Amino acid sequence: MNIKEIIYFLEVVKETSFTKAANNLYISQPALSKAIKNLEQEVQTQLIERNTKKFNLTYEGEIFYENAKKSIDIINTEIFKLQDSITNCRKTLTLGIPPVIGSVYFTSAVAKFKQEHPDIDIQIVEEGANNIKCRIVDESIELGAVIFPVEEDNIIASQIVSGDIMLAISTDHPLANRESIDMKELKDERFIVFNENFMMYDKTINACKDSGFEPNIVMKMSQWDFILEMVALNYGIAMMPKPIVQRYKMNGINMIPISNPEIDWNIGFIVKKDKYMSKTLKLFVEYATNHIRKEHEKHK
């Protein structure tokens, strides 16, 4: 049985389309169809139904798919281990970081790690936490740094540090001098939020809903500094992790603790469950965790 044909079959099932799978595999659709038919001949059973408009696997195809996926995962893991043992330590690492936490904690951690390990190449992917979780699952990145919670069954999460989420508000706003605030008092306010790719979007929406109202969102952004600039101009209010505003203080903004509900801001690393972790990956996780915790304590 040809491993390449099994990989082709898995791609077809993943995309539920011969056309899309062929494009992903950089082969022609006739060549892909022929490979699948060869596979069916080898296993002496039909795997994909061809008499329906909707893509469906046969009963035998479902069983073959589950076992084929497990087998390819095992093969890839063992090859990964073999490469790791031959080179002693893999020299590359792909790290996904949301912009909202990247500049606060990870700039220093990555820079100092590179100073001590100049032979290790760290490729940074900057995306929102929700996108990073998806990319961990599809294995396009190895390690992610995200805002918790992480509830996916196929992801392992380890917390690094925790903090509070506060209300960022213009010094010209009528509520600017409050010592604390209840979310219910903000039901008529204009909210500036991170877009849907970010966990902070979910936290903002959920906090408002838990307080009995839908937020009036006037702007969605991906850059926290732009959000704070708009807040300073009194265009709206925003919920923001306390460590960000502490480190990058801006004129014209007050930070007010949210008394009800209290909203935690916890960040940590995520990896795919059952995915082999290289020595390089383990080395960076341990180094960055220790470095970030020390920096976090300094700025409390």
C-alpha atoms as a PDB file:
ATOM      1  CA  MET A   1       0.000   0.000   0.000  1.00  0.00           C
ATOM      2  CA  ASN A   2       1.394   3.375  -1.066  1.00  0.00           C
ATOM      3  CA  ILE A   3       1.655   5.958   1.749  1.00  0.00           C
ATOM      4  CA  LYS A   4       1.270   8.769  -0.784  1.00  0.00           C
ATOM      5  CA  GLU A   5      -2.122   7.364  -1.827  1.00  0.00           C
ATOM      6  CA  ILE A   6      -3.223   7.294   1.808  1.00  0.00           C
ATOM      7  CA  ILE A   7      -2.165  10.931   2.229  1.00  0.00           C
ATOM      8  CA  TYR A   8      -4.114  11.807  -0.929  1.00  0.00           C
ATOM      9  CA  PHE A   9      -7.187  10.035   0.468  1.00  0.00           C
ATOM     10  CA  LEU A  10      -6.934  11.910   3.781  1.00  0.00           C
ATOM     11  CA  GLU A  11      -6.716  15.233   1.940  1.00  0.00           C
ATOM     12  CA  VAL A  12      -9.810  14.442  -0.125  1.00  0.00           C
ATOM     13  CA  VAL A  13     -11.751  13.602   3.042  1.00  0.00           C
ATOM     14  CA  LYS A  14     -10.481  16.738   4.776  1.00  0.00           C
ATOM     15  CA  GLU A  15     -11.631  18.988   1.907  1.00  0.00           C
ATOM     16  CA  THR A  16     -14.683  16.825   0.956  1.00  0.00           C
ATOM     17  CA  SER A  17     -13.712  17.685  -2.602  1.00  0.00           C
ATOM     18  CA  PHE A  18     -11.407  16.151  -5.219  1.00  0.00           C
ATOM     19  CA  THR A  19     -10.887  19.578  -6.820  1.00  0.00           C
ATOM     20  CA  LYS A  20      -9.794  21.341  -3.625  1.00  0.00           C
ATOM     21  CA  ALA A  21      -7.646  18.404  -2.552  1.00  0.00           C
ATOM     22  CA  ALA A  22      -5.912  18.293  -5.937  1.00  0.00           C
ATOM     23  CA  ASN A  23      -5.122  22.010  -5.681  1.00  0.00           C
ATOM     24  CA  ASN A  24      -3.703  21.559  -2.172  1.00  0.00           C
ATOM     25  CA  LEU A  25      -1.590  18.606  -3.324  1.00  0.00           C
ATOM     26  CA  TYR A  26      -0.422  20.343  -6.512  1.00  0.00           C
ATOM     27  CA  ILE A  27      -1.556  17.492  -8.756  1.00  0.00           C
ATOM     28  CA  SER A  28      -4.237  17.232 -11.420  1.00  0.00           C
ATOM     29  CA  GLN A  29      -7.721  16.059 -10.478  1.00  0.00           C
ATOM     30  CA  PRO A  30      -7.562  13.055 -12.868  1.00  0.00           C
ATOM     31  CA  ALA A  31      -4.273  11.976 -11.284  1.00  0.00           C
ATOM     32  CA  LEU A  32      -5.815  12.273  -7.814  1.00  0.00           C
ATOM     33  CA  SER A  33      -8.915  10.288  -8.842  1.00  0.00           C
ATOM     34  CA  LYS A  34      -6.684   7.563 -10.307  1.00  0.00           C
ATOM     35  CA  ALA A  35      -4.627   7.374  -7.092  1.00  0.00           C
ATOM     36  CA  ILE A  36      -7.796   6.948  -4.999  1.00  0.00           C
ATOM     37  CA  LYS A  37      -9.103   4.232  -7.329  1.00  0.00           C
ATOM     38  CA  ASN A  38      -5.749   2.430  -7.085  1.00  0.00           C
ATOM     39  CA  LEU A  39      -6.042   2.606  -3.303  1.00  0.00           C
ATOM     40  CA  GLU A  40      -9.564   1.150  -3.423  1.00  0.00           C
ATOM     41  CA  GLN A  41      -8.341  -1.670  -5.626  1.00  0.00           C
ATOM     42  CA  GLU A  42      -5.544  -2.446  -3.177  1.00  0.00           C
ATOM     43  CA  VAL A  43      -7.876  -2.598  -0.182  1.00  0.00           C
ATOM     44  CA  GLN A  44     -10.518  -4.349  -2.337  1.00  0.00           C
ATOM     45  CA  THR A  45     -13.395  -2.115  -1.299  1.00  0.00           C
ATOM     46  CA  GLN A  46     -14.994   1.203  -2.279  1.00  0.00           C
ATOM     47  CA  LEU A  47     -14.055   4.004   0.122  1.00  0.00           C
ATOM     48  CA  ILE A  48     -15.906   6.994  -1.354  1.00  0.00           C
ATOM     49  CA  GLU A  49     -19.510   7.006  -2.574  1.00  0.00           C
ATOM     50  CA  ARG A  50     -19.758   8.215  -6.164  1.00  0.00           C
ATOM     51  CA  ASN A  51     -23.497   8.066  -6.808  1.00  0.00           C
ATOM     52  CA  THR A  52     -24.463  11.055  -4.628  1.00  0.00           C
ATOM     53  CA  LYS A  53     -24.024  14.800  -5.135  1.00  0.00           C
ATOM     54  CA  LYS A  54     -22.867  15.277  -1.547  1.00  0.00           C
ATOM     55  CA  PHE A  55     -19.438  13.939  -0.589  1.00  0.00           C
ATOM     56  CA  ASN A  56     -19.778  10.819   1.557  1.00  0.00           C
ATOM     57  CA  LEU A  57     -17.569   7.987   2.645  1.00  0.00           C
ATOM     58  CA  THR A  58     -18.807   4.426   2.556  1.00  0.00           C
ATOM     59  CA  TYR A  59     -19.019   2.504   5.827  1.00  0.00           C
ATOM     60  CA  GLU A  60     -15.686   0.879   4.982  1.00  0.00           C
ATOM     61  CA  GLY A  61     -14.321   4.303   4.031  1.00  0.00           C
ATOM     62  CA  GLU A  62     -15.172   5.706   7.465  1.00  0.00           C
ATOM     63  CA  ILE A  63     -13.276   2.882   9.178  1.00  0.00           C
ATOM     64  CA  PHE A  64     -10.344   3.197   6.769  1.00  0.00           C
ATOM     65  CA  TYR A  65     -10.200   6.981   7.301  1.00  0.00           C
ATOM     66  CA  GLU A  66      -9.991   6.752  11.098  1.00  0.00           C
ATOM     67  CA  ASN A  67      -7.235   4.150  11.006  1.00  0.00           C
ATOM     68  CA  ALA A  68      -5.355   5.831   8.141  1.00  0.00           C
ATOM     69  CA  LYS A  69      -5.313   9.145  10.010  1.00  0.00           C
ATOM     70  CA  LYS A  70      -3.937   7.476  13.145  1.00  0.00           C
ATOM     71  CA  SER A  71      -1.304   5.637  11.130  1.00  0.00           C
ATOM     72  CA  ILE A  72      -0.069   8.757   9.301  1.00  0.00           C
ATOM     73  CA  ASP A  73       0.058  10.693  12.586  1.00  0.00           C
ATOM     74  CA  ILE A  74       2.215   7.944  14.097  1.00  0.00           C
ATOM     75  CA  ILE A  75       4.506   7.890  11.044  1.00  0.00           C
ATOM     76  CA  ASN A  76       4.920  11.687  11.090  1.00  0.00           C
ATOM     77  CA  THR A  77       5.656  11.669  14.820  1.00  0.00           C
ATOM     78  CA  GLU A  78       8.273   8.933  14.498  1.00  0.00           C
ATOM     79  CA  ILE A  79       9.944  10.703  11.566  1.00  0.00           C
ATOM     80  CA  PHE A  80       9.959  13.899  13.638  1.00  0.00           C
ATOM     81  CA  LYS A  81      11.614  12.057  16.542  1.00  0.00           C
ATOM     82  CA  LEU A  82      14.158  10.517  14.187  1.00  0.00           C
ATOM     83  CA  GLN A  83      15.096  13.904  12.745  1.00  0.00           C
ATOM     84  CA  ASP A  84      15.328  15.322  16.248  1.00  0.00           C
ATOM     85  CA  SER A  85      17.645  12.564  17.442  1.00  0.00           C
ATOM     86  CA  ILE A  86      19.900  12.805  14.368  1.00  0.00           C
ATOM     87  CA  THR A  87      20.362  16.567  14.620  1.00  0.00           C
ATOM     88  CA  ASN A  88      20.429  16.408  18.446  1.00  0.00           C
ATOM     89  CA  CYS A  89      18.095  19.391  18.536  1.00  0.00           C
ATOM     90  CA  ARG A  90      15.836  20.911  15.896  1.00  0.00           C
ATOM     91  CA  LYS A  91      16.936  24.432  15.128  1.00  0.00           C
ATOM     92  CA  THR A  92      13.600  25.953  14.129  1.00  0.00           C
ATOM     93  CA  LEU A  93      10.465  26.897  16.018  1.00  0.00           C
ATOM     94  CA  THR A  94       7.202  28.414  14.792  1.00  0.00           C
ATOM     95  CA  LEU A  95       5.517  30.559  17.444  1.00  0.00           C
ATOM     96  CA  GLY A  96       2.078  32.164  17.190  1.00  0.00           C
ATOM     97  CA  ILE A  97       1.544  35.322  19.271  1.00  0.00           C
ATOM     98  CA  PRO A  98      -1.436  37.725  19.397  1.00  0.00           C
ATOM     99  CA  PRO A  99      -0.439  41.408  19.019  1.00  0.00           C
ATOM    100  CA  VAL A 100      -2.242  42.196  22.271  1.00  0.00           C
ATOM    101  CA  ILE A 101       0.341  40.274  24.321  1.00  0.00           C
ATOM    102  CA  GLY A 102       3.318  40.019  21.985  1.00  0.00           C
ATOM    103  CA  SER A 103       4.948  43.361  22.694  1.00  0.00           C
ATOM    104  CA  VAL A 104       4.212  43.213  26.424  1.00  0.00           C
ATOM    105  CA  TYR A 105       5.947  39.942  27.231  1.00  0.00           C
ATOM    106  CA  PHE A 106       7.400  38.132  24.264  1.00  0.00           C
ATOM    107  CA  THR A 107       9.657  40.715  22.631  1.00  0.00           C
ATOM    108  CA  SER A 108      12.097  40.540  25.532  1.00  0.00           C
ATOM    109  CA  ALA A 109      11.757  36.768  25.971  1.00  0.00           C
ATOM    110  CA  VAL A 110      12.464  36.022  22.312  1.00  0.00           C
ATOM    111  CA  ALA A 111      15.325  38.523  22.093  1.00  0.00           C
ATOM    112  CA  LYS A 112      17.130  37.151  25.154  1.00  0.00           C
ATOM    113  CA  PHE A 113      16.532  33.550  24.082  1.00  0.00           C
ATOM    114  CA  LYS A 114      18.063  34.335  20.672  1.00  0.00           C
ATOM    115  CA  GLN A 115      21.088  35.887  22.378  1.00  0.00           C
ATOM    116  CA  GLU A 116      21.715  32.663  24.266  1.00  0.00           C
ATOM    117  CA  HIS A 117      20.781  30.380  21.357  1.00  0.00           C
ATOM    118  CA  PRO A 118      21.724  32.203  18.133  1.00  0.00           C
ATOM    119  CA  ASP A 119      21.602  28.961  16.130  1.00  0.00           C
ATOM    120  CA  ILE A 120      17.858  28.524  16.734  1.00  0.00           C
ATOM    121  CA  ASP A 121      15.528  30.193  14.236  1.00  0.00           C
ATOM    122  CA  ILE A 122      12.224  31.411  15.717  1.00  0.00           C
ATOM    123  CA  GLN A 123       9.538  32.192  13.150  1.00  0.00           C
ATOM    124  CA  ILE A 124       6.871  34.501  14.593  1.00  0.00           C
ATOM    125  CA  VAL A 125       3.267  34.321  13.367  1.00  0.00           C
ATOM    126  CA  GLU A 126       1.258  37.295  14.646  1.00  0.00           C
ATOM    127  CA  GLU A 127      -2.481  36.548  14.776  1.00  0.00           C
ATOM    128  CA  GLY A 128      -5.401  36.665  17.174  1.00  0.00           C
ATOM    129  CA  ALA A 129      -5.677  33.976  19.847  1.00  0.00           C
ATOM    130  CA  ASN A 130      -8.678  32.323  18.184  1.00  0.00           C
ATOM    131  CA  ASN A 131      -6.789  31.954  14.898  1.00  0.00           C
ATOM    132  CA  ILE A 132      -3.703  30.669  16.689  1.00  0.00           C
ATOM    133  CA  LYS A 133      -5.738  27.893  18.317  1.00  0.00           C
ATOM    134  CA  CYS A 134      -6.947  26.805  14.882  1.00  0.00           C
ATOM    135  CA  ARG A 135      -3.406  26.817  13.515  1.00  0.00           C
ATOM    136  CA  ILE A 136      -2.165  24.718  16.423  1.00  0.00           C
ATOM    137  CA  VAL A 137      -4.823  22.127  15.617  1.00  0.00           C
ATOM    138  CA  ASP A 138      -3.984  22.015  11.896  1.00  0.00           C
ATOM    139  CA  GLU A 139      -0.264  21.957  12.812  1.00  0.00           C
ATOM    140  CA  SER A 140       0.729  24.990  10.731  1.00  0.00           C
ATOM    141  CA  ILE A 141       2.408  26.328  13.893  1.00  0.00           C
ATOM    142  CA  GLU A 142       4.029  24.355  16.723  1.00  0.00           C
ATOM    143  CA  LEU A 143       3.545  26.618  19.721  1.00  0.00           C
ATOM    144  CA  GLY A 144       0.995  29.281  20.538  1.00  0.00           C
ATOM    145  CA  ALA A 145       0.820  31.973  23.210  1.00  0.00           C
ATOM    146  CA  VAL A 146      -2.809  32.908  23.878  1.00  0.00           C
ATOM    147  CA  ILE A 147      -5.221  34.441  26.316  1.00  0.00           C
ATOM    148  CA  PHE A 148      -7.124  31.800  28.267  1.00  0.00           C
ATOM    149  CA  PRO A 149      -9.523  30.014  28.529  1.00  0.00           C
ATOM    150  CA  VAL A 150      -8.688  27.245  26.074  1.00  0.00           C
ATOM    151  CA  GLU A 151     -11.409  24.604  25.997  1.00  0.00           C
ATOM    152  CA  GLU A 152     -10.506  22.513  22.911  1.00  0.00           C
ATOM    153  CA  ASP A 153     -10.055  18.822  23.702  1.00  0.00           C
ATOM    154  CA  ASN A 154      -7.144  18.405  21.281  1.00  0.00           C
ATOM    155  CA  ILE A 155      -5.048  21.224  22.780  1.00  0.00           C
ATOM    156  CA  ILE A 156      -2.833  21.170  25.868  1.00  0.00           C
ATOM    157  CA  ALA A 157      -2.531  24.507  27.686  1.00  0.00           C
ATOM    158  CA  SER A 158      -0.113  25.646  30.383  1.00  0.00           C
ATOM    159  CA  GLN A 159      -0.615  28.978  32.134  1.00  0.00           C
ATOM    160  CA  ILE A 160       2.288  31.427  32.420  1.00  0.00           C
ATOM    161  CA  VAL A 161       0.947  34.509  34.235  1.00  0.00           C
ATOM    162  CA  SER A 162      -2.377  36.059  35.226  1.00  0.00           C
ATOM    163  CA  GLY A 163      -3.670  39.577  35.671  1.00  0.00           C
ATOM    164  CA  ASP A 164      -6.786  41.742  35.511  1.00  0.00           C
ATOM    165  CA  ILE A 165      -8.814  43.286  32.736  1.00  0.00           C
ATOM    166  CA  MET A 166      -9.726  46.900  33.350  1.00  0.00           C
ATOM    167  CA  LEU A 167     -11.798  49.614  31.744  1.00  0.00           C
ATOM    168  CA  ALA A 168      -9.830  52.064  29.594  1.00  0.00           C
ATOM    169  CA  ILE A 169     -11.631  55.401  29.515  1.00  0.00           C
ATOM    170  CA  SER A 170     -10.845  58.952  28.432  1.00  0.00           C
ATOM    171  CA  THR A 171      -9.928  61.450  31.139  1.00  0.00           C
ATOM    172  CA  ASP A 172     -12.674  63.643  29.628  1.00  0.00           C
ATOM    173  CA  HIS A 173     -15.345  60.989  30.207  1.00  0.00           C
ATOM    174  CA  PRO A 174     -17.874  61.600  33.054  1.00  0.00           C
ATOM    175  CA  LEU A 175     -16.870  58.271  34.664  1.00  0.00           C
ATOM    176  CA  ALA A 176     -13.133  58.924  34.424  1.00  0.00           C
ATOM    177  CA  ASN A 177     -12.554  59.499  38.143  1.00  0.00           C
ATOM    178  CA  ARG A 178     -14.405  56.474  39.466  1.00  0.00           C
ATOM    179  CA  GLU A 179     -12.426  54.132  41.736  1.00  0.00           C
ATOM    180  CA  SER A 180     -14.227  51.085  40.328  1.00  0.00           C
ATOM    181  CA  ILE A 181     -17.114  50.344  38.035  1.00  0.00           C
ATOM    182  CA  ASP A 182     -19.862  47.762  37.566  1.00  0.00           C
ATOM    183  CA  MET A 183     -20.314  46.492  33.994  1.00  0.00           C
ATOM    184  CA  LYS A 184     -24.044  47.200  34.231  1.00  0.00           C
ATOM    185  CA  GLU A 185     -23.239  50.920  34.316  1.00  0.00           C
ATOM    186  CA  LEU A 186     -21.744  50.674  30.820  1.00  0.00           C
ATOM    187  CA  LYS A 187     -24.830  49.477  28.929  1.00  0.00           C
ATOM    188  CA  ASP A 188     -25.281  52.848  27.165  1.00  0.00           C
ATOM    189  CA  GLU A 189     -21.588  53.358  26.385  1.00  0.00           C
ATOM    190  CA  ARG A 190     -19.824  53.096  23.019  1.00  0.00           C
ATOM    191  CA  PHE A 191     -17.401  50.152  22.937  1.00  0.00           C
ATOM    192  CA  ILE A 192     -14.186  49.929  20.928  1.00  0.00           C
ATOM    193  CA  VAL A 193     -13.165  46.272  20.792  1.00  0.00           C
ATOM    194  CA  PHE A 194     -10.636  43.871  19.342  1.00  0.00           C
ATOM    195  CA  ASN A 195     -12.019  42.006  16.350  1.00  0.00           C
ATOM    196  CA  GLU A 196     -13.425  38.467  16.415  1.00  0.00           C
ATOM    197  CA  ASN A 197     -10.008  36.851  15.914  1.00  0.00           C
ATOM    198  CA  PHE A 198      -9.005  37.874  19.437  1.00  0.00           C
ATOM    199  CA  MET A 199      -9.952  36.329  22.761  1.00  0.00           C
ATOM    200  CA  MET A 200     -10.403  39.847  24.166  1.00  0.00           C
ATOM    201  CA  TYR A 201     -13.404  40.219  21.841  1.00  0.00           C
ATOM    202  CA  ASP A 202     -15.022  37.158  23.427  1.00  0.00           C
ATOM    203  CA  LYS A 203     -14.232  38.393  26.931  1.00  0.00           C
ATOM    204  CA  THR A 204     -15.752  41.817  26.249  1.00  0.00           C
ATOM    205  CA  ILE A 205     -18.930  40.421  24.685  1.00  0.00           C
ATOM    206  CA  ASN A 206     -19.404  37.819  27.429  1.00  0.00           C
ATOM    207  CA  ALA A 207     -18.863  40.340  30.236  1.00  0.00           C
ATOM    208  CA  CYS A 208     -21.527  42.608  28.749  1.00  0.00           C
ATOM    209  CA  LYS A 209     -23.986  39.763  28.203  1.00  0.00           C
ATOM    210  CA  ASP A 210     -23.421  38.474  31.738  1.00  0.00           C
ATOM    211  CA  SER A 211     -24.343  41.972  32.910  1.00  0.00           C
ATOM    212  CA  GLY A 212     -27.603  41.936  30.981  1.00  0.00           C
ATOM    213  CA  PHE A 213     -26.900  43.936  27.826  1.00  0.00           C
ATOM    214  CA  GLU A 214     -25.484  43.783  24.306  1.00  0.00           C
ATOM    215  CA  PRO A 215     -22.560  46.188  23.860  1.00  0.00           C
ATOM    216  CA  ASN A 216     -22.874  49.090  21.423  1.00  0.00           C
ATOM    217  CA  ILE A 217     -19.772  48.359  19.341  1.00  0.00           C
ATOM    218  CA  VAL A 218     -18.664  51.370  17.306  1.00  0.00           C
ATOM    219  CA  MET A 219     -15.294  50.047  16.147  1.00  0.00           C
ATOM    220  CA  LYS A 220     -13.398  46.748  15.857  1.00  0.00           C
ATOM    221  CA  MET A 221      -9.613  46.762  15.609  1.00  0.00           C
ATOM    222  CA  SER A 222      -6.635  44.419  15.702  1.00  0.00           C
ATOM    223  CA  GLN A 223      -4.114  46.899  17.184  1.00  0.00           C
ATOM    224  CA  TRP A 224      -4.317  47.678  20.896  1.00  0.00           C
ATOM    225  CA  ASP A 225      -2.403  50.977  20.566  1.00  0.00           C
ATOM    226  CA  PHE A 226      -4.941  52.265  18.020  1.00  0.00           C
ATOM    227  CA  ILE A 227      -7.770  51.268  20.352  1.00  0.00           C
ATOM    228  CA  LEU A 228      -6.202  53.226  23.213  1.00  0.00           C
ATOM    229  CA  GLU A 229      -5.662  56.274  20.995  1.00  0.00           C
ATOM    230  CA  MET A 230      -9.353  56.265  20.070  1.00  0.00           C
ATOM    231  CA  VAL A 231     -10.251  55.919  23.756  1.00  0.00           C
ATOM    232  CA  ALA A 232      -8.025  58.902  24.594  1.00  0.00           C
ATOM    233  CA  LEU A 233      -9.998  60.930  22.026  1.00  0.00           C
ATOM    234  CA  ASN A 234     -13.190  59.938  23.921  1.00  0.00           C
ATOM    235  CA  TYR A 235     -14.594  58.117  20.886  1.00  0.00           C
ATOM    236  CA  GLY A 236     -15.515  55.182  23.090  1.00  0.00           C
ATOM    237  CA  ILE A 237     -14.440  52.945  25.961  1.00  0.00           C
ATOM    238  CA  ALA A 238     -12.498  49.681  25.868  1.00  0.00           C
ATOM    239  CA  MET A 239     -11.725  46.700  28.037  1.00  0.00           C
ATOM    240  CA  MET A 240      -7.985  46.192  28.152  1.00  0.00           C
ATOM    241  CA  PRO A 241      -5.508  43.919  29.993  1.00  0.00           C
ATOM    242  CA  LYS A 242      -3.938  45.867  32.842  1.00  0.00           C
ATOM    243  CA  PRO A 243      -0.307  44.897  32.001  1.00  0.00           C
ATOM    244  CA  ILE A 244      -0.543  46.509  28.553  1.00  0.00           C
ATOM    245  CA  VAL A 245      -1.601  49.918  29.815  1.00  0.00           C
ATOM    246  CA  GLN A 246       0.817  49.723  32.749  1.00  0.00           C
ATOM    247  CA  ARG A 247       3.790  49.266  30.452  1.00  0.00           C
ATOM    248  CA  TYR A 248       2.685  51.661  27.738  1.00  0.00           C
ATOM    249  CA  LYS A 249       1.078  54.554  29.555  1.00  0.00           C
ATOM    250  CA  MET A 250      -0.751  57.002  27.305  1.00  0.00           C
ATOM    251  CA  ASN A 251      -1.860  60.541  28.055  1.00  0.00           C
ATOM    252  CA  GLY A 252      -5.586  61.121  28.240  1.00  0.00           C
ATOM    253  CA  ILE A 253      -6.532  57.683  29.560  1.00  0.00           C
ATOM    254  CA  ASN A 254      -7.599  56.449  32.990  1.00  0.00           C
ATOM    255  CA  MET A 255      -7.761  52.787  33.942  1.00  0.00           C
ATOM    256  CA  ILE A 256     -10.668  51.808  36.197  1.00  0.00           C
ATOM    257  CA  PRO A 257     -10.959  48.394  37.915  1.00  0.00           C
ATOM    258  CA  ILE A 258     -14.096  46.455  37.004  1.00  0.00           C
ATOM    259  CA  SER A 259     -15.735  45.372  40.264  1.00  0.00           C
ATOM    260  CA  ASN A 260     -18.544  43.263  38.843  1.00  0.00           C
ATOM    261  CA  PRO A 261     -17.864  40.908  37.263  1.00  0.00           C
ATOM    262  CA  GLU A 262     -14.136  40.583  37.955  1.00  0.00           C
ATOM    263  CA  ILE A 263     -12.496  39.495  34.706  1.00  0.00           C
ATOM    264  CA  ASP A 264      -9.225  37.595  34.712  1.00  0.00           C
ATOM    265  CA  TRP A 265      -6.558  37.921  32.045  1.00  0.00           C
ATOM    266  CA  ASN A 266      -4.508  34.742  31.951  1.00  0.00           C
ATOM    267  CA  ILE A 267      -1.967  33.921  29.273  1.00  0.00           C
ATOM    268  CA  GLY A 268      -0.111  30.723  28.531  1.00  0.00           C
ATOM    269  CA  PHE A 269       1.322  28.377  25.945  1.00  0.00           C
ATOM    270  CA  ILE A 270      -0.670  25.889  23.901  1.00  0.00           C
ATOM    271  CA  VAL A 271       0.434  22.865  21.876  1.00  0.00           C
ATOM    272  CA  LYS A 272      -1.502  20.172  20.068  1.00  0.00           C
ATOM    273  CA  LYS A 273      -2.395  17.178  22.197  1.00  0.00           C
ATOM    274  CA  ASP A 274      -0.316  14.059  21.481  1.00  0.00           C
ATOM    275  CA  LYS A 275       2.009  16.091  19.222  1.00  0.00           C
ATOM    276  CA  TYR A 276       5.698  15.317  19.704  1.00  0.00           C
ATOM    277  CA  MET A 277       7.542  18.253  21.319  1.00  0.00           C
ATOM    278  CA  SER A 278      11.077  18.737  20.048  1.00  0.00           C
ATOM    279  CA  LYS A 279      13.978  19.578  22.346  1.00  0.00           C
ATOM    280  CA  THR A 280      14.042  23.094  20.909  1.00  0.00           C
ATOM    281  CA  LEU A 281      10.350  23.569  21.687  1.00  0.00           C
ATOM    282  CA  LYS A 282      10.751  22.355  25.275  1.00  0.00           C
ATOM    283  CA  LEU A 283      13.844  24.538  25.731  1.00  0.00           C
ATOM    284  CA  PHE A 284      12.030  27.680  24.570  1.00  0.00           C
ATOM    285  CA  VAL A 285       8.880  27.006  26.606  1.00  0.00           C
ATOM    286  CA  GLU A 286      10.885  26.591  29.806  1.00  0.00           C
ATOM    287  CA  TYR A 287      13.056  29.644  29.115  1.00  0.00           C
ATOM    288  CA  ALA A 288      10.209  31.950  28.075  1.00  0.00           C
ATOM    289  CA  THR A 289       7.964  30.873  30.966  1.00  0.00           C
ATOM    290  CA  ASN A 290      10.628  31.674  33.555  1.00  0.00           C
ATOM    291  CA  HIS A 291      11.575  34.965  31.872  1.00  0.00           C
ATOM    292  CA  ILE A 292       7.987  36.183  31.501  1.00  0.00           C
ATOM    293  CA  ARG A 293       7.101  35.337  35.093  1.00  0.00           C
ATOM    294  CA  LYS A 294      10.088  37.318  36.368  1.00  0.00           C
ATOM    295  CA  GLU A 295       9.179  40.310  34.189  1.00  0.00           C
ATOM    296  CA  HIS A 296       5.560  40.097  35.291  1.00  0.00           C
ATOM    297  CA  GLU A 297       6.562  40.246  38.955  1.00  0.00           C
ATOM    298  CA  LYS A 298       8.675  43.356  38.309  1.00  0.00           C
ATOM    299  CA  HIS A 299       5.754  45.282  36.839  1.00  0.00           C
ATOM    300  CA  LYS A 300       3.040  44.280  39.313  1.00  0.00           C
END
